[in-house]
Amino acid sequence: MSEVITLSDGSVLDVARYPLPAGVEDDGALLNRAQLAAAFSVSVNAITDWVNKGMPVMSTGQNGVAYEFRLSHCWAWRQDRDERARASKLRGDQLASQAALAFRNLDDDQAEAEAELTADDLRKWSEAEYHRNRVAEQRGDLLRADRMRALVEDMFVTFGAEMDTLPDFAEMQFGLSAAQVAQLQERCDQMRQEVRRLIEERLGRGGAVIALSDRQGEMAL
């Protein structure tokens, strides 16, 4: 049988969902703040804090009149609040785990292998990985993806401009026919599109850093 009460924020609480521990009964007698604090083994200040956070009160104290509480109502409120806090933490841990996997760009095999890691394990691993990457970046072993993209974009602009002028250059230097110039232009356009596709495929993936090869002056497109 439910016993629904309305809290100060307008939400409702079913007191029957959270029965008092075995051996504890609520006979309807009202408790003041000191008595409720003793029941919960907390300070009176803690009770005041809970009231400010929405714990149900039967009557508010004023003009020398003490606050009055129902033990079962306050117990149910505390249990419901703790349950919500645990659920919120669980959702946060799950989100952190999903985000950590996504931000680290794990492939399917890696994700499956690390699926059983806790959120705390992933956090510690991510922090260690971040510091390793920072050291590698300072040594010049890693380059940030945004810098790499800017470099490749500049190179592609230069490359594209050369592809645009190559048919005209070949026509003047080698006496190509109109048909040959058209074929060369088509081939240049295809090459430019393929290079663009490779750039987007290689650098379009997420990630904070990109490993550089020993020959940093060459791009493996």
Protein backbone atom coordinates (compact mmCIF):
# COMPACT_ATOMS: atom_id res chain seq x y z
CA MET A 1 0.00 0.00 0.00
CA SER A 2 1.48 3.30 -1.07
CA GLU A 3 1.79 6.40 1.10
CA VAL A 4 2.51 9.33 -1.18
CA ILE A 5 3.63 12.69 0.16
CA THR A 6 4.39 15.90 -1.73
CA LEU A 7 7.80 17.43 -1.13
CA SER A 8 8.64 21.13 -1.01
CA ASP A 9 9.88 21.12 -4.63
CA GLY A 10 6.57 19.73 -5.86
CA SER A 11 7.81 16.19 -6.46
CA VAL A 12 6.07 13.24 -4.86
CA LEU A 13 7.59 10.50 -2.73
CA ASP A 14 6.08 7.09 -2.03
CA VAL A 15 7.09 6.48 1.58
CA ALA A 16 6.03 2.83 1.35
CA ARG A 17 8.86 2.15 -1.12
CA TYR A 18 11.38 2.64 1.67
CA PRO A 19 10.19 0.88 4.84
CA LEU A 20 12.00 1.50 8.09
CA PRO A 21 14.63 -1.05 9.14
CA ALA A 22 13.44 -4.17 10.94
CA GLY A 23 12.62 -3.45 14.57
CA VAL A 24 11.99 0.27 13.98
CA GLU A 25 8.39 1.49 13.95
CA ASP A 26 6.80 4.85 13.29
CA ASP A 27 3.75 5.12 15.54
CA GLY A 28 2.95 8.61 14.29
CA ALA A 29 4.78 10.45 17.05
CA LEU A 30 6.55 13.58 15.84
CA LEU A 31 10.24 14.22 16.48
CA ASN A 32 12.06 17.52 16.89
CA ARG A 33 15.40 18.27 15.24
CA ALA A 34 17.51 17.00 18.14
CA GLN A 35 15.55 13.75 18.34
CA LEU A 36 15.74 13.20 14.59
CA ALA A 37 19.48 13.92 14.66
CA ALA A 38 19.89 11.28 17.36
CA ALA A 39 17.84 8.79 15.34
CA PHE A 40 20.06 9.26 12.28
CA SER A 41 23.27 9.60 14.33
CA VAL A 42 24.05 12.99 12.79
CA SER A 43 24.34 16.53 14.08
CA VAL A 44 21.46 18.98 14.41
CA ASN A 45 23.21 21.08 11.76
CA ALA A 46 22.99 18.12 9.38
CA ILE A 47 19.23 17.97 9.95
CA THR A 48 18.98 21.69 9.17
CA ASP A 49 20.96 21.13 5.98
CA TRP A 50 18.65 18.27 4.96
CA VAL A 51 15.61 20.47 5.56
CA ASN A 52 17.13 23.10 3.27
CA LYS A 53 17.61 20.37 0.66
CA GLY A 54 13.96 19.36 0.77
CA MET A 55 13.51 16.83 3.57
CA PRO A 56 9.81 16.69 4.51
CA VAL A 57 8.72 18.62 7.59
CA MET A 58 5.40 18.19 9.37
CA SER A 59 5.55 21.68 10.85
CA THR A 60 8.13 24.42 10.50
CA GLY A 61 9.57 25.96 13.61
CA GLN A 62 8.98 29.65 14.25
CA ASN A 63 8.47 31.95 17.21
CA GLY A 64 10.00 29.44 19.59
CA VAL A 65 8.06 26.47 18.18
CA ALA A 66 10.29 23.52 17.27
CA TYR A 67 10.38 21.82 13.87
CA GLU A 68 8.46 18.54 13.82
CA PHE A 69 9.22 15.51 11.65
CA ARG A 70 7.82 12.07 10.87
CA LEU A 71 10.57 9.48 11.16
CA SER A 72 9.23 7.32 8.31
CA HIS A 73 8.95 10.32 5.98
CA CYS A 74 12.49 11.47 6.67
CA TRP A 75 13.87 7.94 6.33
CA ALA A 76 12.14 7.48 2.97
CA TRP A 77 13.42 10.86 1.77
CA ARG A 78 16.98 9.97 2.72
CA GLN A 79 16.78 6.55 1.04
CA ASP A 80 15.27 8.04 -2.12
CA ARG A 81 17.92 10.77 -2.21
CA ASP A 82 20.74 8.25 -1.76
CA GLU A 83 19.24 6.03 -4.45
CA ARG A 84 19.09 8.94 -6.88
CA ALA A 85 22.68 9.88 -6.06
CA ARG A 86 23.86 6.31 -6.73
CA ALA A 87 21.94 6.20 -10.01
CA SER A 88 23.40 9.56 -11.05
CA LYS A 89 26.93 8.38 -10.22
CA LEU A 90 26.37 5.18 -12.19
CA ARG A 91 25.18 7.16 -15.22
CA GLY A 92 28.18 9.44 -14.87
CA ASP A 93 30.57 6.48 -14.67
CA GLN A 94 29.00 4.92 -17.76
CA LEU A 95 29.24 8.20 -19.66
CA ALA A 96 32.85 8.63 -18.56
CA SER A 97 33.67 5.11 -19.77
CA GLN A 98 31.99 5.69 -23.13
CA ALA A 99 33.67 9.06 -23.55
CA ALA A 100 37.08 7.68 -22.58
CA LEU A 101 36.77 4.94 -25.19
CA ALA A 102 35.57 7.38 -27.84
CA PHE A 103 38.20 10.03 -27.10
CA ARG A 104 40.96 7.44 -27.20
CA ASN A 105 39.78 6.23 -30.63
CA LEU A 106 39.95 2.55 -29.76
CA ASP A 107 39.31 0.14 -32.57
CA ASP A 108 36.78 -2.67 -32.07
CA ASP A 109 39.34 -5.17 -30.76
CA GLN A 110 40.76 -2.72 -28.23
CA ALA A 111 37.31 -1.62 -27.09
CA GLU A 112 36.26 -5.23 -26.53
CA ALA A 113 39.47 -6.01 -24.64
CA GLU A 114 38.98 -3.05 -22.31
CA ALA A 115 35.21 -3.24 -21.92
CA GLU A 116 35.57 -4.64 -18.40
CA LEU A 117 37.72 -1.78 -17.12
CA THR A 118 36.09 0.40 -14.49
CA ALA A 119 35.61 4.13 -14.98
CA ASP A 120 38.39 4.74 -12.43
CA ASP A 121 40.75 2.44 -14.37
CA LEU A 122 39.98 4.28 -17.60
CA ARG A 123 40.45 7.66 -15.93
CA LYS A 124 43.87 6.64 -14.60
CA TRP A 125 44.87 5.17 -17.96
CA SER A 126 43.72 8.29 -19.81
CA GLU A 127 45.66 10.57 -17.46
CA ALA A 128 48.81 8.50 -17.91
CA GLU A 129 48.30 8.42 -21.68
CA TYR A 130 47.85 12.20 -21.74
CA HIS A 131 51.14 12.76 -19.92
CA ARG A 132 52.94 10.29 -22.20
CA ASN A 133 51.61 12.12 -25.24
CA ARG A 134 52.66 15.49 -23.83
CA VAL A 135 56.22 14.27 -23.30
CA ALA A 136 56.30 12.72 -26.78
CA GLU A 137 54.99 15.97 -28.27
CA GLN A 138 57.69 17.99 -26.52
CA ARG A 139 60.33 15.61 -27.90
CA GLY A 140 58.95 16.09 -31.39
CA ASP A 141 57.74 12.49 -31.71
CA LEU A 142 54.09 13.55 -31.93
CA LEU A 143 52.33 16.39 -33.70
CA ARG A 144 48.91 17.75 -32.83
CA ALA A 145 46.26 16.83 -35.38
CA ASP A 146 45.11 20.42 -35.94
CA ARG A 147 48.66 21.44 -36.86
CA MET A 148 49.00 18.45 -39.15
CA ARG A 149 45.70 19.29 -40.84
CA ALA A 150 46.80 22.90 -41.40
CA LEU A 151 50.08 21.69 -42.92
CA VAL A 152 48.36 19.21 -45.21
CA GLU A 153 45.75 21.77 -46.27
CA ASP A 154 48.51 24.20 -47.28
CA MET A 155 50.24 21.44 -49.22
CA PHE A 156 47.00 20.47 -50.92
CA VAL A 157 46.32 24.06 -52.02
CA THR A 158 49.75 24.19 -53.65
CA PHE A 159 49.25 20.76 -55.20
CA GLY A 160 45.80 21.72 -56.53
CA ALA A 161 47.12 24.88 -58.12
CA GLU A 162 49.79 22.87 -59.94
CA MET A 163 47.19 20.36 -61.14
CA ASP A 164 45.12 23.25 -62.54
CA THR A 165 48.01 24.65 -64.60
CA LEU A 166 49.63 21.35 -65.63
CA PRO A 167 47.42 20.76 -68.76
CA ASP A 168 48.15 24.25 -70.11
CA PHE A 169 51.85 23.83 -69.38
CA ALA A 170 51.94 20.45 -71.14
CA GLU A 171 50.05 21.84 -74.14
CA MET A 172 52.56 24.65 -74.61
CA GLN A 173 55.68 22.61 -73.90
CA PHE A 174 54.80 19.40 -75.72
CA GLY A 175 52.29 20.51 -78.35
CA LEU A 176 49.42 18.38 -77.07
CA SER A 177 46.20 18.25 -79.05
CA ALA A 178 42.91 19.50 -77.60
CA ALA A 179 41.83 15.89 -76.95
CA GLN A 180 45.08 15.12 -75.15
CA VAL A 181 44.77 18.27 -73.03
CA ALA A 182 41.22 17.26 -72.08
CA GLN A 183 42.41 13.77 -71.10
CA LEU A 184 45.23 15.21 -69.02
CA GLN A 185 42.85 17.65 -67.34
CA GLU A 186 40.48 14.81 -66.46
CA ARG A 187 43.36 12.80 -65.03
CA CYS A 188 44.55 15.76 -62.95
CA ASP A 189 41.04 16.25 -61.57
CA GLN A 190 40.83 12.57 -60.64
CA MET A 191 44.20 12.71 -58.92
CA ARG A 192 43.22 15.81 -56.95
CA GLN A 193 39.97 14.19 -55.80
CA GLU A 194 41.80 11.03 -54.75
CA VAL A 195 44.37 13.01 -52.76
CA ARG A 196 41.55 14.95 -51.08
CA ARG A 197 39.82 11.67 -50.19
CA LEU A 198 42.99 10.27 -48.67
CA ILE A 199 43.58 13.41 -46.64
CA GLU A 200 40.06 13.37 -45.23
CA GLU A 201 40.28 9.64 -44.54
CA ARG A 202 43.62 9.82 -42.74
CA LEU A 203 43.17 13.10 -40.88
CA GLY A 204 39.40 13.15 -40.52
CA ARG A 205 39.57 10.67 -37.65
CA GLY A 206 39.36 12.03 -34.12
CA GLY A 207 42.39 12.24 -31.90
CA ALA A 208 44.65 14.72 -30.18
CA VAL A 209 48.00 13.75 -31.64
CA ILE A 210 49.46 12.05 -34.71
CA ALA A 211 52.66 10.03 -34.69
CA LEU A 212 55.33 11.21 -37.09
CA SER A 213 57.56 8.85 -39.04
CA ASP A 214 61.34 9.12 -39.01
CA ARG A 215 61.18 10.95 -42.33
CA GLN A 216 59.08 13.87 -41.18
CA GLY A 217 59.59 15.73 -44.42
CA GLU A 218 57.51 13.22 -46.39
CA MET A 219 53.75 12.74 -46.27
CA ALA A 220 52.42 9.21 -46.75
CA LEU A 221 49.22 10.09 -48.55
